[in-house]
């Protein structure tokens, strides 16, 4: 699951029909997920894994919350609704774009290089933080 999260973090979805994209948990609107942009709304929504197509299937939007939206949550919900009001779905399939490739296609090599670089940096950080005497005899 850790690799899956890494993969999803390094990719974005191009929205078309919305059936393959999770509304809250996939990056399809902006540079981060709606779960990250609106954490208080995500925490109180009933269906966290709902697809974009399901959300846009009715008016008002097909999202329910476990409690009434008041004060800050109501303001955030209205902001979100205004931001996504002009999203249009079409008949084409959704597709994913890989951010580490010029063509946008996933490659094992690009994922491997990313993971190796990420691990090497974390190892090097711990080495540089070691408390070692300047001179040893």
Foldseek 3Di string as FASTA:
>chain_A
DVLVVVQQLQKAKDAAQFPPAFQAQGHHQPNHGVCVVQVVQCVFKDDNRHTPNQQPVDPPGPIDGNDDQDDPRVVVVVVVCVSCVPDDHHDDDMDMFGNQDPVRDDDPVSSVVVVVVVVVVVVVVVVVPDDDDPDDD
